């Protein structure tokens, strides 16, 4: 028997750029903001996936990209490659968690980074972290955050109910993409307190438009998500008591 309901936040969807932009142009501060959030609100700080990437091609001068590719190849070996748009190639090297600071420092030393007409920068360290949200009072993991409890139901591509995720891209223009799972069946005081705690430890405001409550279908084999409407000023009012 699967759980009957869960509340999620998807921020931001692809139509809105796929992520929340951070205000800081400092890659090292952006990395610290990610760690501060994970430490305060979650049970996980070890990335599931981490990599450093350099883009070569249209809009990015080889005088910038080639020396970085050569330097990273000497340090990390050969790269994997992917198409980045129609005229660019991204060179990617996987990283261990204990290597992230070194390569964020490398990004920081390369500032200012070029920017293409779409706002893309050619040098980034990225990490995906899966986690569970903590109770803000007890710092115990809230129950109901296992994907098996929701039948491993795919809410969005690459995201299943019950598993929260942070995808951080650290560069001169850093961003966080969030999929947050709050295991509450209603907008209770406990839910609002937990959401306020999360908001209080993020470096940007959560969007009011990207919350959903997922309910188990009558046949018990899937979920239907509908937008949750509540005022974010309720969260901000609670933040002063967090």
C-alpha atoms as a PDB file:
ATOM      1  CA  UNK A   1       0.000   0.000   0.000  1.00  0.00           C
ATOM      2  CA  UNK A   2       1.509   3.307  -1.085  1.00  0.00           C
ATOM      3  CA  UNK A   3       1.328   6.592   0.819  1.00  0.00           C
ATOM      4  CA  UNK A   4      -1.693   8.678  -0.069  1.00  0.00           C
ATOM      5  CA  UNK A   5      -0.075  12.090  -0.576  1.00  0.00           C
ATOM      6  CA  UNK A   6       3.097  14.188  -0.688  1.00  0.00           C
ATOM      7  CA  UNK A   7       3.875  17.879  -1.353  1.00  0.00           C
ATOM      8  CA  UNK A   8       6.709  18.792  -3.734  1.00  0.00           C
ATOM      9  CA  UNK A   9       8.550  21.849  -4.992  1.00  0.00           C
ATOM     10  CA  UNK A  10      10.097  21.809  -8.466  1.00  0.00           C
ATOM     11  CA  UNK A  11      12.318  24.812  -8.871  1.00  0.00           C
ATOM     12  CA  UNK A  12      12.628  25.818 -11.531  1.00  0.00           C
ATOM     13  CA  UNK A  13      11.293  23.888 -14.508  1.00  0.00           C
ATOM     14  CA  UNK A  14      13.002  23.891 -17.901  1.00  0.00           C
ATOM     15  CA  UNK A  15      10.596  26.532 -19.232  1.00  0.00           C
ATOM     16  CA  UNK A  16      12.017  28.951 -16.639  1.00  0.00           C
ATOM     17  CA  UNK A  17      15.651  28.190 -17.380  1.00  0.00           C
ATOM     18  CA  UNK A  18      15.824  24.980 -15.373  1.00  0.00           C
ATOM     19  CA  UNK A  19      17.207  26.472 -12.165  1.00  0.00           C
ATOM     20  CA  UNK A  20      17.296  29.345  -9.683  1.00  0.00           C
ATOM     21  CA  UNK A  21      20.120  31.777 -10.485  1.00  0.00           C
ATOM     22  CA  UNK A  22      22.294  32.773  -7.541  1.00  0.00           C
ATOM     23  CA  UNK A  23      23.095  36.415  -7.043  1.00  0.00           C
ATOM     24  CA  UNK A  24      26.740  35.930  -6.174  1.00  0.00           C
ATOM     25  CA  UNK A  25      29.336  35.945  -8.991  1.00  0.00           C
ATOM     26  CA  UNK A  26      31.771  34.196  -6.618  1.00  0.00           C
ATOM     27  CA  UNK A  27      31.957  30.406  -7.297  1.00  0.00           C
ATOM     28  CA  UNK A  28      33.421  29.668  -3.863  1.00  0.00           C
ATOM     29  CA  UNK A  29      30.562  31.477  -2.116  1.00  0.00           C
ATOM     30  CA  UNK A  30      28.015  29.670  -4.313  1.00  0.00           C
ATOM     31  CA  UNK A  31      29.519  26.325  -3.269  1.00  0.00           C
ATOM     32  CA  UNK A  32      29.351  27.351   0.383  1.00  0.00           C
ATOM     33  CA  UNK A  33      25.698  28.345  -0.002  1.00  0.00           C
ATOM     34  CA  UNK A  34      24.932  24.851  -1.307  1.00  0.00           C
ATOM     35  CA  UNK A  35      26.742  23.280   1.624  1.00  0.00           C
ATOM     36  CA  UNK A  36      25.054  25.543   4.156  1.00  0.00           C
ATOM     37  CA  UNK A  37      21.626  24.511   2.884  1.00  0.00           C
ATOM     38  CA  UNK A  38      22.488  20.810   2.875  1.00  0.00           C
ATOM     39  CA  UNK A  39      23.953  20.971   6.392  1.00  0.00           C
ATOM     40  CA  UNK A  40      21.016  22.894   7.865  1.00  0.00           C
ATOM     41  CA  UNK A  41      18.117  21.107   6.182  1.00  0.00           C
ATOM     42  CA  UNK A  42      19.130  17.665   4.911  1.00  0.00           C
ATOM     43  CA  UNK A  43      20.768  14.372   5.793  1.00  0.00           C
ATOM     44  CA  UNK A  44      23.198  14.327   2.853  1.00  0.00           C
ATOM     45  CA  UNK A  45      26.171  16.344   1.676  1.00  0.00           C
ATOM     46  CA  UNK A  46      27.956  13.795  -0.561  1.00  0.00           C
ATOM     47  CA  UNK A  47      27.214  14.224  -4.280  1.00  0.00           C
ATOM     48  CA  UNK A  48      25.741  11.340  -6.206  1.00  0.00           C
ATOM     49  CA  UNK A  49      27.325  12.798  -9.351  1.00  0.00           C
ATOM     50  CA  UNK A  50      29.962  15.528  -9.687  1.00  0.00           C
ATOM     51  CA  UNK A  51      31.948  16.757 -12.663  1.00  0.00           C
ATOM     52  CA  UNK A  52      33.927  19.633 -14.137  1.00  0.00           C
ATOM     53  CA  UNK A  53      33.113  20.704 -17.682  1.00  0.00           C
ATOM     54  CA  UNK A  54      34.649  22.960 -20.332  1.00  0.00           C
ATOM     55  CA  UNK A  55      32.780  23.952 -23.508  1.00  0.00           C
ATOM     56  CA  UNK A  56      34.592  24.549 -26.769  1.00  0.00           C
ATOM     57  CA  UNK A  57      33.001  25.886 -29.920  1.00  0.00           C
ATOM     58  CA  UNK A  58      30.814  28.696 -31.208  1.00  0.00           C
ATOM     59  CA  UNK A  59      30.919  31.780 -28.999  1.00  0.00           C
ATOM     60  CA  UNK A  60      33.903  30.601 -26.953  1.00  0.00           C
ATOM     61  CA  UNK A  61      37.416  31.442 -28.078  1.00  0.00           C
ATOM     62  CA  UNK A  62      39.855  28.520 -28.258  1.00  0.00           C
ATOM     63  CA  UNK A  63      42.346  30.763 -26.481  1.00  0.00           C
ATOM     64  CA  UNK A  64      40.143  30.373 -23.409  1.00  0.00           C
ATOM     65  CA  UNK A  65      38.890  26.786 -23.713  1.00  0.00           C
ATOM     66  CA  UNK A  66      41.877  24.846 -25.103  1.00  0.00           C
ATOM     67  CA  UNK A  67      44.356  25.622 -22.284  1.00  0.00           C
ATOM     68  CA  UNK A  68      41.737  24.539 -19.719  1.00  0.00           C
ATOM     69  CA  UNK A  69      41.013  21.305 -21.606  1.00  0.00           C
ATOM     70  CA  UNK A  70      44.735  20.539 -21.803  1.00  0.00           C
ATOM     71  CA  UNK A  71      45.266  21.311 -18.109  1.00  0.00           C
ATOM     72  CA  UNK A  72      42.309  19.176 -17.007  1.00  0.00           C
ATOM     73  CA  UNK A  73      43.394  16.308 -19.260  1.00  0.00           C
ATOM     74  CA  UNK A  74      46.824  16.326 -17.624  1.00  0.00           C
ATOM     75  CA  UNK A  75      45.257  16.265 -14.156  1.00  0.00           C
ATOM     76  CA  UNK A  76      42.250  13.997 -14.700  1.00  0.00           C
ATOM     77  CA  UNK A  77      42.903  12.031 -17.880  1.00  0.00           C
ATOM     78  CA  UNK A  78      40.727  11.891 -20.968  1.00  0.00           C
ATOM     79  CA  UNK A  79      37.300  13.511 -20.967  1.00  0.00           C
ATOM     80  CA  UNK A  80      33.895  12.316 -22.051  1.00  0.00           C
ATOM     81  CA  UNK A  81      32.243  14.530 -24.645  1.00  0.00           C
ATOM     82  CA  UNK A  82      28.713  15.643 -25.418  1.00  0.00           C
ATOM     83  CA  UNK A  83      27.044  17.995 -27.846  1.00  0.00           C
ATOM     84  CA  UNK A  84      26.254  21.336 -26.185  1.00  0.00           C
ATOM     85  CA  UNK A  85      23.932  23.004 -28.628  1.00  0.00           C
ATOM     86  CA  UNK A  86      24.416  22.619 -32.358  1.00  0.00           C
ATOM     87  CA  UNK A  87      27.922  24.055 -32.607  1.00  0.00           C
ATOM     88  CA  UNK A  88      29.613  23.336 -29.273  1.00  0.00           C
ATOM     89  CA  UNK A  89      31.286  20.331 -27.668  1.00  0.00           C
ATOM     90  CA  UNK A  90      31.403  19.960 -23.880  1.00  0.00           C
ATOM     91  CA  UNK A  91      34.389  18.128 -22.388  1.00  0.00           C
ATOM     92  CA  UNK A  92      33.527  16.539 -19.030  1.00  0.00           C
ATOM     93  CA  UNK A  93      35.589  14.927 -16.268  1.00  0.00           C
ATOM     94  CA  UNK A  94      33.987  13.139 -13.310  1.00  0.00           C
ATOM     95  CA  UNK A  95      35.029  14.255  -9.830  1.00  0.00           C
ATOM     96  CA  UNK A  96      35.033  12.711  -6.371  1.00  0.00           C
ATOM     97  CA  UNK A  97      33.501  14.721  -3.552  1.00  0.00           C
ATOM     98  CA  UNK A  98      36.928  15.602  -2.130  1.00  0.00           C
ATOM     99  CA  UNK A  99      38.012  17.110  -5.476  1.00  0.00           C
ATOM    100  CA  UNK A 100      35.212  19.662  -5.787  1.00  0.00           C
ATOM    101  CA  UNK A 101      36.913  22.484  -3.865  1.00  0.00           C
ATOM    102  CA  UNK A 102      40.075  22.242  -5.970  1.00  0.00           C
ATOM    103  CA  UNK A 103      38.180  22.664  -9.227  1.00  0.00           C
ATOM    104  CA  UNK A 104      35.854  25.368  -7.928  1.00  0.00           C
ATOM    105  CA  UNK A 105      39.051  27.230  -7.030  1.00  0.00           C
ATOM    106  CA  UNK A 106      40.171  26.699 -10.625  1.00  0.00           C
ATOM    107  CA  UNK A 107      36.900  28.196 -11.907  1.00  0.00           C
ATOM    108  CA  UNK A 108      37.347  31.115  -9.533  1.00  0.00           C
ATOM    109  CA  UNK A 109      40.879  31.770 -10.834  1.00  0.00           C
ATOM    110  CA  UNK A 110      39.583  31.810 -14.435  1.00  0.00           C
ATOM    111  CA  UNK A 111      37.127  34.673 -13.797  1.00  0.00           C
ATOM    112  CA  UNK A 112      35.752  36.603 -15.572  1.00  0.00           C
ATOM    113  CA  UNK A 113      34.324  33.859 -17.790  1.00  0.00           C
ATOM    114  CA  UNK A 114      33.049  34.374 -21.336  1.00  0.00           C
ATOM    115  CA  UNK A 115      29.266  34.343 -21.826  1.00  0.00           C
ATOM    116  CA  UNK A 116      27.444  33.351 -25.020  1.00  0.00           C
ATOM    117  CA  UNK A 117      24.228  35.080 -26.229  1.00  0.00           C
ATOM    118  CA  UNK A 118      22.143  32.533 -24.276  1.00  0.00           C
ATOM    119  CA  UNK A 119      23.922  33.244 -20.986  1.00  0.00           C
ATOM    120  CA  UNK A 120      25.971  30.025 -21.091  1.00  0.00           C
ATOM    121  CA  UNK A 121      29.469  30.012 -19.621  1.00  0.00           C
ATOM    122  CA  UNK A 122      32.133  27.543 -20.772  1.00  0.00           C
ATOM    123  CA  UNK A 123      33.641  26.460 -17.428  1.00  0.00           C
ATOM    124  CA  UNK A 124      31.567  24.905 -14.634  1.00  0.00           C
ATOM    125  CA  UNK A 125      31.705  22.478 -11.712  1.00  0.00           C
ATOM    126  CA  UNK A 126      28.395  20.677 -11.191  1.00  0.00           C
ATOM    127  CA  UNK A 127      27.050  18.260  -8.607  1.00  0.00           C
ATOM    128  CA  UNK A 128      23.806  16.358  -8.045  1.00  0.00           C
ATOM    129  CA  UNK A 129      22.948  15.518  -4.433  1.00  0.00           C
ATOM    130  CA  UNK A 130      19.988  13.359  -3.397  1.00  0.00           C
ATOM    131  CA  UNK A 131      18.782  13.862   0.161  1.00  0.00           C
ATOM    132  CA  UNK A 132      16.000  13.668   2.731  1.00  0.00           C
ATOM    133  CA  UNK A 133      14.641  16.716   4.549  1.00  0.00           C
ATOM    134  CA  UNK A 134      15.087  17.034   8.319  1.00  0.00           C
ATOM    135  CA  UNK A 135      12.539  18.045  10.931  1.00  0.00           C
ATOM    136  CA  UNK A 136      13.644  21.616  11.791  1.00  0.00           C
ATOM    137  CA  UNK A 137      13.129  21.091  15.520  1.00  0.00           C
ATOM    138  CA  UNK A 138      14.576  17.621  16.119  1.00  0.00           C
ATOM    139  CA  UNK A 139      16.913  17.379  13.100  1.00  0.00           C
ATOM    140  CA  UNK A 140      15.590  13.852  12.561  1.00  0.00           C
ATOM    141  CA  UNK A 141      14.758  12.758   9.016  1.00  0.00           C
ATOM    142  CA  UNK A 142      11.035  13.192   8.378  1.00  0.00           C
ATOM    143  CA  UNK A 143       9.398   9.826   7.783  1.00  0.00           C
ATOM    144  CA  UNK A 144       7.892   9.097   4.382  1.00  0.00           C
ATOM    145  CA  UNK A 145      10.859  10.055   2.195  1.00  0.00           C
ATOM    146  CA  UNK A 146      11.572   6.759   0.463  1.00  0.00           C
ATOM    147  CA  UNK A 147      10.699   6.469  -3.199  1.00  0.00           C
ATOM    148  CA  UNK A 148       9.422   2.915  -2.650  1.00  0.00           C
ATOM    149  CA  UNK A 149       6.596   4.341  -0.538  1.00  0.00           C
ATOM    150  CA  UNK A 150       5.297   6.051  -3.690  1.00  0.00           C
ATOM    151  CA  UNK A 151       5.846   3.141  -6.052  1.00  0.00           C
ATOM    152  CA  UNK A 152       8.946   4.858  -7.509  1.00  0.00           C
ATOM    153  CA  UNK A 153       6.498   7.131  -9.315  1.00  0.00           C
ATOM    154  CA  UNK A 154       8.200   9.507 -11.764  1.00  0.00           C
ATOM    155  CA  UNK A 155       6.914  13.020 -11.158  1.00  0.00           C
ATOM    156  CA  UNK A 156       9.222  14.532 -13.781  1.00  0.00           C
ATOM    157  CA  UNK A 157      11.997  13.097 -15.967  1.00  0.00           C
ATOM    158  CA  UNK A 158      14.793  11.962 -13.652  1.00  0.00           C
ATOM    159  CA  UNK A 159      12.804  12.738 -10.485  1.00  0.00           C
ATOM    160  CA  UNK A 160      10.750  10.309  -8.407  1.00  0.00           C
ATOM    161  CA  UNK A 161       8.387  11.102  -5.555  1.00  0.00           C
ATOM    162  CA  UNK A 162      10.001  10.657  -2.166  1.00  0.00           C
ATOM    163  CA  UNK A 163      13.546  11.576  -3.264  1.00  0.00           C
ATOM    164  CA  UNK A 164      14.667  15.208  -3.004  1.00  0.00           C
ATOM    165  CA  UNK A 165      17.439  16.513  -5.203  1.00  0.00           C
ATOM    166  CA  UNK A 166      19.763  19.498  -5.567  1.00  0.00           C
ATOM    167  CA  UNK A 167      21.566  20.027  -8.866  1.00  0.00           C
ATOM    168  CA  UNK A 168      24.137  22.789  -8.389  1.00  0.00           C
ATOM    169  CA  UNK A 169      26.090  24.378 -11.227  1.00  0.00           C
ATOM    170  CA  UNK A 170      28.986  26.424  -9.863  1.00  0.00           C
ATOM    171  CA  UNK A 171      30.494  29.039 -12.180  1.00  0.00           C
ATOM    172  CA  UNK A 172      30.551  32.810 -12.625  1.00  0.00           C
ATOM    173  CA  UNK A 173      26.772  32.483 -13.020  1.00  0.00           C
ATOM    174  CA  UNK A 174      25.852  29.742 -10.565  1.00  0.00           C
ATOM    175  CA  UNK A 175      22.464  28.104 -10.235  1.00  0.00           C
ATOM    176  CA  UNK A 176      20.535  25.588  -8.126  1.00  0.00           C
ATOM    177  CA  UNK A 177      17.823  23.303  -9.448  1.00  0.00           C
ATOM    178  CA  UNK A 178      15.679  21.807  -6.679  1.00  0.00           C
ATOM    179  CA  UNK A 179      13.178  19.000  -6.379  1.00  0.00           C
ATOM    180  CA  UNK A 180      11.955  19.046  -2.777  1.00  0.00           C
ATOM    181  CA  UNK A 181       9.700  16.372  -1.248  1.00  0.00           C
ATOM    182  CA  UNK A 182       7.776  17.250   1.909  1.00  0.00           C
ATOM    183  CA  UNK A 183       6.073  14.088   3.246  1.00  0.00           C
ATOM    184  CA  UNK A 184       2.889  15.776   4.467  1.00  0.00           C
ATOM    185  CA  UNK A 185      -0.657  14.957   3.417  1.00  0.00           C
ATOM    186  CA  UNK A 186      -1.951  18.484   4.105  1.00  0.00           C
ATOM    187  CA  UNK A 187      -0.649  22.026   4.586  1.00  0.00           C
ATOM    188  CA  UNK A 188      -0.299  21.554   8.317  1.00  0.00           C
ATOM    189  CA  UNK A 189       1.604  23.767  10.726  1.00  0.00           C
ATOM    190  CA  UNK A 190       4.410  21.191  10.653  1.00  0.00           C
ATOM    191  CA  UNK A 191       4.605  21.406   6.862  1.00  0.00           C
ATOM    192  CA  UNK A 192       4.698  25.215   6.909  1.00  0.00           C
ATOM    193  CA  UNK A 193       7.383  25.193   9.595  1.00  0.00           C
ATOM    194  CA  UNK A 194       9.509  22.761   7.605  1.00  0.00           C
ATOM    195  CA  UNK A 195       9.057  24.703   4.354  1.00  0.00           C
ATOM    196  CA  UNK A 196       9.944  27.932   6.166  1.00  0.00           C
ATOM    197  CA  UNK A 197      13.110  26.334   7.534  1.00  0.00           C
ATOM    198  CA  UNK A 198      14.132  25.273   4.023  1.00  0.00           C
ATOM    199  CA  UNK A 199      13.369  28.747   2.635  1.00  0.00           C
ATOM    200  CA  UNK A 200      15.404  30.338   5.397  1.00  0.00           C
ATOM    201  CA  UNK A 201      18.521  28.413   4.325  1.00  0.00           C
ATOM    202  CA  UNK A 202      18.326  29.032   0.590  1.00  0.00           C
ATOM    203  CA  UNK A 203      19.981  32.061  -1.074  1.00  0.00           C
ATOM    204  CA  UNK A 204      16.893  32.846  -3.207  1.00  0.00           C
ATOM    205  CA  UNK A 205      13.103  32.979  -2.724  1.00  0.00           C
ATOM    206  CA  UNK A 206      11.101  29.892  -3.600  1.00  0.00           C
ATOM    207  CA  UNK A 207       8.530  30.477  -6.326  1.00  0.00           C
ATOM    208  CA  UNK A 208       4.869  30.340  -5.336  1.00  0.00           C
ATOM    209  CA  UNK A 209       3.960  28.735  -8.671  1.00  0.00           C
ATOM    210  CA  UNK A 210       5.933  25.509  -8.462  1.00  0.00           C
ATOM    211  CA  UNK A 211       4.429  23.639  -5.517  1.00  0.00           C
ATOM    212  CA  UNK A 212       2.263  20.544  -6.051  1.00  0.00           C
ATOM    213  CA  UNK A 213       0.364  18.112  -3.905  1.00  0.00           C
ATOM    214  CA  UNK A 214       0.452  14.590  -5.313  1.00  0.00           C
ATOM    215  CA  UNK A 215      -2.417  12.263  -4.418  1.00  0.00           C
ATOM    216  CA  UNK A 216      -2.678   8.543  -4.976  1.00  0.00           C
ATOM    217  CA  UNK A 217      -5.096   7.670  -7.773  1.00  0.00           C
ATOM    218  CA  UNK A 218      -8.216   5.628  -7.059  1.00  0.00           C
ATOM    219  CA  UNK A 219      -6.698   2.517  -8.630  1.00  0.00           C
ATOM    220  CA  UNK A 220      -3.704   2.867  -6.275  1.00  0.00           C
ATOM    221  CA  UNK A 221      -1.012   2.590  -8.941  1.00  0.00           C
ATOM    222  CA  UNK A 222      -0.119   6.209  -9.689  1.00  0.00           C
ATOM    223  CA  UNK A 223      -0.304   9.816  -8.537  1.00  0.00           C
ATOM    224  CA  UNK A 224      -1.911  13.004  -9.796  1.00  0.00           C
ATOM    225  CA  UNK A 225      -0.256  16.325  -8.997  1.00  0.00           C
ATOM    226  CA  UNK A 226      -2.170  19.556  -8.552  1.00  0.00           C
ATOM    227  CA  UNK A 227      -0.809  22.982  -7.739  1.00  0.00           C
ATOM    228  CA  UNK A 228      -0.723  23.897  -4.067  1.00  0.00           C
ATOM    229  CA  UNK A 229      -1.790  27.456  -3.398  1.00  0.00           C
ATOM    230  CA  UNK A 230      -0.510  29.172  -0.294  1.00  0.00           C
ATOM    231  CA  UNK A 231       1.116  32.511   0.281  1.00  0.00           C
ATOM    232  CA  UNK A 232       4.879  32.477   0.594  1.00  0.00           C
ATOM    233  CA  UNK A 233       4.662  35.396   3.000  1.00  0.00           C
ATOM    234  CA  UNK A 234       3.373  32.776   5.464  1.00  0.00           C
ATOM    235  CA  UNK A 235       6.769  31.108   5.138  1.00  0.00           C
ATOM    236  CA  UNK A 236       8.632  34.371   5.461  1.00  0.00           C
ATOM    237  CA  UNK A 237       6.646  35.309   8.577  1.00  0.00           C
ATOM    238  CA  UNK A 238       7.625  31.995  10.100  1.00  0.00           C
ATOM    239  CA  UNK A 239      11.271  32.492   9.129  1.00  0.00           C
ATOM    240  CA  UNK A 240      11.727  35.025  11.931  1.00  0.00           C
ATOM    241  CA  UNK A 241      10.881  32.264  14.393  1.00  0.00           C
ATOM    242  CA  UNK A 242      13.080  29.630  12.691  1.00  0.00           C
END
